[in-house]
């Protein structure tokens, strides 16, 4: 028997929450298979099987446990339960005495009916009873999240082996079906659902409240004309993608602009440590990502020295890790500035909350065509509203507003990014 213990997610973390089991009790798991997810106050991590064997679960989902607790055991000499049962020989039936007061009848065991092409039901029809349905761990987890039963999926696809892709396709089919039936009257309901907050969500809630109470947070706004950036994307995106394997994104422009703007206004890249203000000579930019378990902020280190394609690749890598709950604590610590993009969800304007102990956060929003005055004439241009929330204890209003204007200037004329935020003409003349 091998004990499976909760690993330490980080030095300051002593408790975690067992978020979910990815395998069922008594099942056979292969070595290195992901068997469970744990939530800490900073990230969701997975635990893998150290060896192959039959797993015996000892802790229920949702329990809060200490680091180092034994949550399961692996019997490395075990074999899958179904296989063991299939190899067992049925014991001979004992004869009933003929003179029994009440005569007992022996029922033949019900035969498990196999689903063949000839007997396959039409889509969404009821399956025959006692059908054996095989469900992968990832598919079972997704079904649990959407309150689905194996019989629903099996009858829809006429398939007794259900994978995660089957569940995803079924969910999409149900959505499409619900759209066409949206005009049907819905049943009246006053039901409620209670679900325990994850450790990550609970800690996030505490941190957000603490920021509002412990910082002198203000927000300044501006608007930026995205015409030139969008023209660059339209003209060069295909060539860029062929060369670097990623598309040209908006966040990389803002990341480079922020990195250059902090050279003019270093207070924005500072933080309070006790009675001291610490100013960083490097720019580690956190990119806020909405993950399944809550908001996480993976960090792009030394953004000031990275090229556009390097930033794009790093953003893509960290975003995928965050959404798959594979982000590490090291990848989320040490940021000096944060960018959040509410525009991907359709936000027009917001006041983003500072990510402590940082002193500022830039909020991007959706791009909308708006009438603007250009050289005395009204023209339609793609406009984005920007928001910079900052800690007034570290950053004065003049620095905050000027920093945001500098970012705006570089986005509206991206060539300035190449010259450290200066006008190309002045850079050429050494002014």
Protein backbone atom coordinates (compact mmCIF):
# COMPACT_ATOMS: atom_id res chain seq x y z
CA UNK A 1 0.00 0.00 0.00
CA UNK A 2 1.29 3.45 -0.95
CA UNK A 3 -0.01 6.51 0.89
CA UNK A 4 -0.99 9.56 -1.17
CA UNK A 5 -0.46 12.75 0.80
CA UNK A 6 -1.34 16.39 0.14
CA UNK A 7 1.80 18.13 -1.17
CA UNK A 8 2.74 21.63 -0.05
CA UNK A 9 1.54 24.21 -2.61
CA UNK A 10 3.79 26.89 -1.07
CA UNK A 11 5.67 27.96 2.03
CA UNK A 12 2.87 30.07 3.51
CA UNK A 13 0.06 27.55 2.86
CA UNK A 14 -0.87 25.09 5.61
CA UNK A 15 -4.41 24.10 4.57
CA UNK A 16 -6.07 23.18 1.29
CA UNK A 17 -9.49 22.08 0.14
CA UNK A 18 -9.97 18.81 -1.70
CA UNK A 19 -11.83 20.21 -4.69
CA UNK A 20 -12.65 17.02 -6.58
CA UNK A 21 -11.66 13.44 -7.21
CA UNK A 22 -10.87 12.68 -10.84
CA UNK A 23 -11.15 8.92 -10.27
CA UNK A 24 -13.66 6.79 -8.38
CA UNK A 25 -13.01 4.78 -5.22
CA UNK A 26 -11.83 1.24 -5.94
CA UNK A 27 -10.86 1.97 -9.54
CA UNK A 28 -7.56 0.99 -11.13
CA UNK A 29 -5.30 3.93 -12.01
CA UNK A 30 -2.12 4.05 -14.03
CA UNK A 31 1.08 5.68 -12.78
CA UNK A 32 1.17 9.50 -13.20
CA UNK A 33 -2.61 9.66 -13.79
CA UNK A 34 -4.15 12.81 -12.31
CA UNK A 35 -6.39 11.56 -9.51
CA UNK A 36 -7.47 14.66 -7.56
CA UNK A 37 -7.60 18.46 -7.58
CA UNK A 38 -6.83 20.57 -4.50
CA UNK A 39 -7.63 24.25 -3.98
CA UNK A 40 -5.25 26.48 -2.05
CA UNK A 41 -5.79 30.17 -1.41
CA UNK A 42 -3.67 30.95 -4.47
CA UNK A 43 -4.20 28.22 -7.07
CA UNK A 44 -5.78 24.90 -8.00
CA UNK A 45 -3.28 22.03 -8.24
CA UNK A 46 -3.56 18.38 -9.26
CA UNK A 47 -2.23 15.26 -7.52
CA UNK A 48 -1.00 12.32 -9.59
CA UNK A 49 -0.70 8.62 -8.78
CA UNK A 50 2.83 7.64 -7.74
CA UNK A 51 2.38 4.08 -9.02
CA UNK A 52 -0.22 1.97 -10.79
CA UNK A 53 -2.78 0.25 -8.60
CA UNK A 54 -6.25 0.22 -7.07
CA UNK A 55 -7.10 3.46 -5.26
CA UNK A 56 -8.90 3.65 -1.92
CA UNK A 57 -10.20 7.17 -1.22
CA UNK A 58 -10.03 8.34 2.41
CA UNK A 59 -11.15 12.01 2.20
CA UNK A 60 -14.42 13.35 0.81
CA UNK A 61 -14.68 16.15 -1.75
CA UNK A 62 -15.02 19.62 -0.25
CA UNK A 63 -13.15 18.81 2.97
CA UNK A 64 -10.53 21.25 4.23
CA UNK A 65 -7.39 19.38 5.22
CA UNK A 66 -3.84 20.14 6.33
CA UNK A 67 -0.83 19.80 4.08
CA UNK A 68 0.66 16.33 4.48
CA UNK A 69 -2.66 14.62 5.22
CA UNK A 70 -3.12 11.13 3.72
CA UNK A 71 -6.06 11.39 1.34
CA UNK A 72 -5.89 7.98 -0.33
CA UNK A 73 -4.01 4.69 -0.55
CA UNK A 74 -2.82 2.81 -3.62
CA UNK A 75 -2.78 -0.97 -3.58
CA UNK A 76 0.00 -1.62 -6.09
CA UNK A 77 -0.70 -5.34 -6.14
CA UNK A 78 -4.35 -4.75 -7.03
CA UNK A 79 -6.03 -5.25 -10.38
CA UNK A 80 -9.13 -3.55 -11.72
CA UNK A 81 -12.24 -4.64 -9.83
CA UNK A 82 -14.17 -5.46 -13.02
CA UNK A 83 -11.36 -7.67 -14.21
CA UNK A 84 -11.18 -9.48 -10.88
CA UNK A 85 -14.91 -10.10 -10.87
CA UNK A 86 -14.87 -11.44 -14.39
CA UNK A 87 -12.24 -14.01 -13.40
CA UNK A 88 -14.22 -15.25 -10.40
CA UNK A 89 -16.08 -18.51 -10.91
CA UNK A 90 -19.68 -18.54 -9.67
CA UNK A 91 -20.19 -20.69 -6.59
CA UNK A 92 -22.51 -23.70 -7.02
CA UNK A 93 -26.07 -22.99 -5.96
CA UNK A 94 -27.27 -24.73 -2.81
CA UNK A 95 -30.33 -26.93 -3.21
CA UNK A 96 -33.36 -25.86 -1.25
CA UNK A 97 -34.99 -28.48 0.97
CA UNK A 98 -38.07 -29.89 -0.69
CA UNK A 99 -40.09 -29.91 2.50
CA UNK A 100 -39.68 -26.20 3.15
CA UNK A 101 -42.77 -24.54 4.62
CA UNK A 102 -42.76 -21.92 2.02
CA UNK A 103 -41.50 -22.97 -1.35
CA UNK A 104 -38.89 -20.55 -2.70
CA UNK A 105 -38.42 -19.85 -6.36
CA UNK A 106 -34.95 -19.31 -7.77
CA UNK A 107 -34.83 -16.46 -10.24
CA UNK A 108 -32.34 -16.59 -13.02
CA UNK A 109 -29.93 -13.65 -12.95
CA UNK A 110 -31.02 -10.86 -15.23
CA UNK A 111 -28.94 -10.81 -18.38
CA UNK A 112 -27.10 -7.63 -19.23
CA UNK A 113 -28.26 -6.55 -22.61
CA UNK A 114 -25.59 -5.33 -25.00
CA UNK A 115 -26.26 -2.42 -27.30
CA UNK A 116 -25.67 -3.43 -30.88
CA UNK A 117 -26.22 -1.53 -34.07
CA UNK A 118 -29.37 -3.54 -34.74
CA UNK A 119 -30.83 -2.68 -31.29
CA UNK A 120 -29.43 0.83 -31.11
CA UNK A 121 -32.11 3.32 -30.04
CA UNK A 122 -32.72 6.57 -31.85
CA UNK A 123 -31.10 9.70 -30.45
CA UNK A 124 -32.27 10.67 -26.94
CA UNK A 125 -34.37 7.48 -26.61
CA UNK A 126 -34.33 5.52 -23.38
CA UNK A 127 -31.62 2.87 -23.15
CA UNK A 128 -32.41 -0.75 -22.35
CA UNK A 129 -32.06 -1.57 -18.67
CA UNK A 130 -28.80 -2.91 -17.16
CA UNK A 131 -26.65 -1.45 -19.92
CA UNK A 132 -22.99 -1.14 -18.90
CA UNK A 133 -21.68 2.35 -19.69
CA UNK A 134 -17.98 3.21 -19.47
CA UNK A 135 -17.20 6.83 -18.50
CA UNK A 136 -13.71 8.39 -18.44
CA UNK A 137 -12.74 10.35 -15.25
CA UNK A 138 -12.61 13.71 -17.08
CA UNK A 139 -15.97 13.03 -18.70
CA UNK A 140 -17.47 12.08 -15.32
CA UNK A 141 -16.18 15.31 -13.78
CA UNK A 142 -17.68 17.42 -16.59
CA UNK A 143 -20.99 15.55 -16.32
CA UNK A 144 -21.07 16.23 -12.59
CA UNK A 145 -20.50 19.96 -13.20
CA UNK A 146 -23.46 20.09 -15.62
CA UNK A 147 -25.67 17.66 -13.68
CA UNK A 148 -25.78 15.09 -16.49
CA UNK A 149 -26.33 11.34 -16.33
CA UNK A 150 -24.37 8.72 -18.36
CA UNK A 151 -27.61 7.41 -19.88
CA UNK A 152 -28.35 10.81 -21.45
CA UNK A 153 -25.01 10.92 -23.27
CA UNK A 154 -25.03 7.24 -24.26
CA UNK A 155 -28.53 7.39 -25.73
CA UNK A 156 -27.66 10.55 -27.66
CA UNK A 157 -24.51 9.18 -29.31
CA UNK A 158 -25.44 5.44 -29.35
CA UNK A 159 -22.12 4.82 -27.67
CA UNK A 160 -21.38 2.99 -24.43
CA UNK A 161 -17.91 4.52 -24.01
CA UNK A 162 -18.20 8.17 -23.03
CA UNK A 163 -15.23 10.54 -23.39
CA UNK A 164 -14.87 14.18 -22.39
CA UNK A 165 -15.36 15.29 -26.02
CA UNK A 166 -18.69 13.40 -26.10
CA UNK A 167 -19.90 15.34 -23.05
CA UNK A 168 -18.76 18.68 -24.50
CA UNK A 169 -20.53 17.94 -27.80
CA UNK A 170 -23.70 16.91 -25.96
CA UNK A 171 -23.70 20.12 -23.88
CA UNK A 172 -23.35 22.20 -27.06
CA UNK A 173 -26.19 20.24 -28.68
CA UNK A 174 -28.43 20.87 -25.67
CA UNK A 175 -27.63 24.61 -25.88
CA UNK A 176 -28.60 24.68 -29.57
CA UNK A 177 -31.79 22.79 -28.83
CA UNK A 178 -32.69 25.14 -25.99
CA UNK A 179 -32.36 28.14 -28.30
CA UNK A 180 -34.92 26.73 -30.73
CA UNK A 181 -37.26 25.92 -27.86
CA UNK A 182 -36.80 29.23 -26.05
CA UNK A 183 -40.33 30.33 -26.92
CA UNK A 184 -41.82 27.53 -24.85
CA UNK A 185 -43.09 28.59 -21.41
CA UNK A 186 -40.65 27.74 -18.62
CA UNK A 187 -41.90 26.09 -15.42
CA UNK A 188 -42.12 28.40 -12.42
CA UNK A 189 -39.49 27.65 -9.79
CA UNK A 190 -38.13 29.09 -6.53
CA UNK A 191 -35.40 26.55 -5.96
CA UNK A 192 -32.00 27.53 -4.54
CA UNK A 193 -28.59 25.95 -4.68
CA UNK A 194 -25.94 26.19 -1.97
CA UNK A 195 -22.31 25.42 -2.71
CA UNK A 196 -19.31 25.84 -0.44
CA UNK A 197 -16.85 28.48 -1.60
CA UNK A 198 -13.53 27.14 -2.82
CA UNK A 199 -10.41 28.13 -0.87
CA UNK A 200 -9.27 30.20 -3.83
CA UNK A 201 -12.60 32.06 -4.09
CA UNK A 202 -12.70 32.63 -0.32
CA UNK A 203 -9.18 34.05 -0.24
CA UNK A 204 -9.92 36.20 -3.29
CA UNK A 205 -12.96 37.66 -1.55
CA UNK A 206 -10.90 38.51 1.55
CA UNK A 207 -8.14 40.14 -0.52
CA UNK A 208 -10.57 42.28 -2.51
CA UNK A 209 -12.23 43.60 0.63
CA UNK A 210 -8.83 44.25 2.21
CA UNK A 211 -7.70 46.30 -0.81
CA UNK A 212 -10.74 48.57 -0.54
CA UNK A 213 -10.15 49.07 3.19
CA UNK A 214 -6.35 49.33 3.33
CA UNK A 215 -5.46 51.41 0.24
CA UNK A 216 -6.28 54.93 -0.92
CA UNK A 217 -7.53 53.68 -4.28
CA UNK A 218 -8.54 56.09 -7.04
CA UNK A 219 -9.27 55.54 -10.73
CA UNK A 220 -8.47 57.81 -13.67
CA UNK A 221 -9.92 57.31 -17.16
CA UNK A 222 -9.00 58.07 -20.74
CA UNK A 223 -9.88 56.95 -24.24
CA UNK A 224 -7.59 55.60 -26.92
CA UNK A 225 -8.05 55.49 -30.69
CA UNK A 226 -7.25 51.93 -31.78
CA UNK A 227 -7.18 52.66 -35.53
CA UNK A 228 -3.42 52.24 -36.08
CA UNK A 229 -3.09 49.11 -33.93
CA UNK A 230 -6.03 47.51 -35.71
CA UNK A 231 -4.58 48.48 -39.09
CA UNK A 232 -1.29 46.81 -38.12
CA UNK A 233 -3.13 43.65 -37.11
CA UNK A 234 -5.11 43.57 -40.33
CA UNK A 235 -2.05 44.05 -42.55
CA UNK A 236 0.51 41.86 -40.80
CA UNK A 237 -1.38 39.30 -38.72
CA UNK A 238 -1.12 36.49 -41.29
CA UNK A 239 2.62 36.95 -41.81
CA UNK A 240 3.11 37.33 -38.05
CA UNK A 241 1.21 34.10 -37.37
CA UNK A 242 3.20 32.21 -40.02
CA UNK A 243 6.49 33.37 -38.52
CA UNK A 244 5.79 33.14 -34.79
CA UNK A 245 2.85 30.73 -34.50
CA UNK A 246 0.66 33.23 -32.60
CA UNK A 247 -1.67 36.04 -33.64
CA UNK A 248 -1.12 39.72 -32.91
CA UNK A 249 -3.06 40.53 -29.75
CA UNK A 250 -3.99 43.83 -28.16
CA UNK A 251 -2.59 42.97 -24.71
CA UNK A 252 0.98 42.72 -26.00
CA UNK A 253 0.78 46.32 -27.32
CA UNK A 254 -0.42 47.54 -23.93
CA UNK A 255 2.19 45.44 -22.09
CA UNK A 256 4.99 47.03 -24.11
CA UNK A 257 3.46 50.50 -23.72
CA UNK A 258 3.18 50.04 -19.94
CA UNK A 259 6.78 48.82 -19.71
CA UNK A 260 8.02 51.92 -21.55
CA UNK A 261 5.73 54.31 -19.66
CA UNK A 262 7.03 53.14 -16.27
CA UNK A 263 10.46 54.52 -17.24
CA UNK A 264 8.91 58.01 -17.24
CA UNK A 265 6.78 57.40 -14.13
CA UNK A 266 8.53 54.83 -11.89
CA UNK A 267 6.07 55.48 -9.04
CA UNK A 268 3.50 53.42 -10.97
CA UNK A 269 5.89 50.46 -10.76
CA UNK A 270 6.39 50.83 -7.00
CA UNK A 271 4.89 49.36 -3.83
CA UNK A 272 4.80 50.02 -0.08
CA UNK A 273 6.84 47.75 2.21
CA UNK A 274 6.34 48.81 5.82
CA UNK A 275 7.42 52.46 5.99
CA UNK A 276 9.40 52.26 2.73
CA UNK A 277 8.48 52.66 -0.94
CA UNK A 278 10.14 50.02 -3.13
CA UNK A 279 10.60 50.98 -6.79
CA UNK A 280 11.40 48.21 -9.26
CA UNK A 281 13.87 48.65 -12.11
CA UNK A 282 12.14 45.85 -13.99
CA UNK A 283 8.52 45.36 -15.04
CA UNK A 284 6.80 42.07 -14.17
CA UNK A 285 3.30 42.39 -15.62
CA UNK A 286 0.47 40.25 -14.28
CA UNK A 287 -2.26 39.40 -16.78
CA UNK A 288 -5.62 38.79 -15.09
CA UNK A 289 -7.24 35.58 -16.37
CA UNK A 290 -10.70 34.26 -15.52
CA UNK A 291 -10.09 30.60 -14.60
CA UNK A 292 -12.78 27.99 -13.76
CA UNK A 293 -12.13 28.32 -10.01
CA UNK A 294 -11.77 32.11 -9.93
CA UNK A 295 -9.56 35.01 -10.98
CA UNK A 296 -5.82 34.27 -11.25
CA UNK A 297 -3.00 36.59 -12.32
CA UNK A 298 -0.04 34.82 -13.97
CA UNK A 299 3.04 37.02 -14.37
CA UNK A 300 5.13 37.90 -17.44
CA UNK A 301 8.59 38.61 -16.07
CA UNK A 302 10.87 41.35 -17.43
CA UNK A 303 8.30 42.49 -19.98
CA UNK A 304 10.47 45.53 -20.68
CA UNK A 305 13.10 43.30 -22.33
CA UNK A 306 10.73 41.03 -24.27
CA UNK A 307 9.67 41.31 -27.90
CA UNK A 308 6.02 41.39 -28.98
CA UNK A 309 6.02 37.75 -30.09
CA UNK A 310 7.64 36.62 -26.83
CA UNK A 311 4.92 38.39 -24.86
CA UNK A 312 2.17 36.90 -27.04
CA UNK A 313 3.56 33.37 -26.64
CA UNK A 314 3.89 33.79 -22.88
CA UNK A 315 0.36 35.17 -22.54
CA UNK A 316 -1.03 32.22 -24.51
CA UNK A 317 0.98 29.68 -22.49
CA UNK A 318 -0.03 31.12 -19.10
CA UNK A 319 -3.69 31.57 -20.08
CA UNK A 320 -3.97 27.92 -21.16
CA UNK A 321 -2.34 26.77 -17.93
CA UNK A 322 -4.67 28.95 -15.86
CA UNK A 323 -7.83 27.68 -17.57
CA UNK A 324 -6.67 24.06 -17.19
CA UNK A 325 -5.82 24.66 -13.49
CA UNK A 326 -2.17 23.83 -14.15
CA UNK A 327 -0.71 27.22 -13.24
CA UNK A 328 1.99 27.11 -10.53
CA UNK A 329 2.45 29.46 -7.58
CA UNK A 330 5.81 30.58 -8.96
CA UNK A 331 4.06 31.74 -12.14
CA UNK A 332 1.64 33.91 -10.14
CA UNK A 333 3.98 35.62 -7.67
CA UNK A 334 6.19 38.68 -7.93
CA UNK A 335 4.19 40.94 -10.26
CA UNK A 336 4.84 44.70 -10.14
CA UNK A 337 1.90 45.85 -12.32
CA UNK A 338 -1.31 44.24 -13.58
CA UNK A 339 -3.37 44.45 -16.78
CA UNK A 340 -6.97 43.23 -16.87
CA UNK A 341 -9.06 43.05 -20.03
CA UNK A 342 -12.76 43.25 -19.31
CA UNK A 343 -13.34 44.05 -22.95
CA UNK A 344 -13.29 40.37 -23.89
CA UNK A 345 -16.55 40.04 -21.93
CA UNK A 346 -18.06 43.20 -23.44
CA UNK A 347 -17.28 45.68 -20.64
CA UNK A 348 -17.47 49.32 -21.73
CA UNK A 349 -15.95 50.81 -18.57
CA UNK A 350 -14.97 49.64 -15.10
CA UNK A 351 -12.87 50.54 -12.05
CA UNK A 352 -10.43 47.63 -11.65
CA UNK A 353 -9.23 46.77 -8.13
CA UNK A 354 -5.50 46.92 -7.36
CA UNK A 355 -3.69 43.60 -6.98
CA UNK A 356 -1.73 44.04 -3.69
CA UNK A 357 1.04 44.76 -2.90
CA UNK A 358 1.17 46.47 -6.31
CA UNK A 359 0.17 50.10 -6.60
CA UNK A 360 -1.58 50.22 -9.99
CA UNK A 361 -3.66 48.23 -12.44
CA UNK A 362 -4.65 49.04 -16.03
CA UNK A 363 -8.15 48.13 -17.20
CA UNK A 364 -8.79 47.55 -20.92
CA UNK A 365 -12.33 47.51 -22.28
CA UNK A 366 -14.24 46.71 -25.45
CA UNK A 367 -13.57 48.53 -28.70
CA UNK A 368 -16.57 50.39 -30.10
CA UNK A 369 -16.86 52.58 -33.18
CA UNK A 370 -17.61 56.11 -31.96
CA UNK A 371 -17.80 59.57 -33.58
CA UNK A 372 -14.65 61.58 -32.84
CA UNK A 373 -13.36 64.97 -33.97
CA UNK A 374 -10.34 64.66 -36.30
CA UNK A 375 -8.89 67.96 -37.61
CA UNK A 376 -12.22 69.70 -37.14
CA UNK A 377 -14.25 66.95 -38.80
CA UNK A 378 -16.39 64.22 -37.28
CA UNK A 379 -15.15 60.74 -38.16
CA UNK A 380 -15.98 57.23 -36.98
CA UNK A 381 -13.06 55.47 -35.25
CA UNK A 382 -12.62 52.37 -33.05
CA UNK A 383 -12.32 53.70 -29.51
CA UNK A 384 -11.39 51.90 -26.28
CA UNK A 385 -11.90 53.37 -22.82
CA UNK A 386 -8.95 52.86 -20.45
CA UNK A 387 -8.99 52.91 -16.64
CA UNK A 388 -6.00 53.14 -14.31
CA UNK A 389 -6.70 52.38 -10.66
CA UNK A 390 -3.85 53.43 -8.37
CA UNK A 391 -2.88 53.70 -4.71
CA UNK A 392 -2.80 57.42 -3.90
CA UNK A 393 -0.41 56.75 -1.01
CA UNK A 394 2.32 55.94 -3.56
CA UNK A 395 1.20 57.63 -6.79
CA UNK A 396 0.08 61.24 -7.07
CA UNK A 397 -2.70 62.23 -9.43
CA UNK A 398 -0.31 63.98 -11.82
CA UNK A 399 1.80 60.84 -12.24
CA UNK A 400 -1.24 58.58 -12.67
CA UNK A 401 -2.88 60.78 -15.32
CA UNK A 402 0.39 61.41 -17.15
CA UNK A 403 1.22 57.68 -17.14
CA UNK A 404 -2.14 56.84 -18.73
CA UNK A 405 -1.71 59.60 -21.33
CA UNK A 406 1.74 58.19 -22.19
CA UNK A 407 0.23 54.72 -22.71
CA UNK A 408 -2.50 56.28 -24.86
CA UNK A 409 0.06 58.09 -27.03
CA UNK A 410 2.02 54.89 -27.69
CA UNK A 411 -1.08 52.89 -28.61
CA UNK A 412 -2.31 55.61 -30.96
CA UNK A 413 1.15 55.81 -32.56
CA UNK A 414 2.79 52.38 -32.01
CA UNK A 415 6.08 53.53 -33.60
CA UNK A 416 6.73 55.45 -30.36
CA UNK A 417 7.11 52.12 -28.53
CA UNK A 418 10.27 51.49 -30.59
CA UNK A 419 11.70 54.80 -29.37
CA UNK A 420 10.95 54.28 -25.69
CA UNK A 421 7.77 56.34 -25.77
CA UNK A 422 9.39 59.37 -27.45
CA UNK A 423 8.45 60.95 -30.77
CA UNK A 424 10.53 59.36 -33.58
CA UNK A 425 11.46 62.80 -34.89
CA UNK A 426 12.74 63.96 -31.50
CA UNK A 427 14.62 60.70 -31.03
CA UNK A 428 16.25 61.18 -34.42
CA UNK A 429 17.30 64.72 -33.50
CA UNK A 430 18.42 63.68 -30.02
CA UNK A 431 15.89 65.94 -28.33
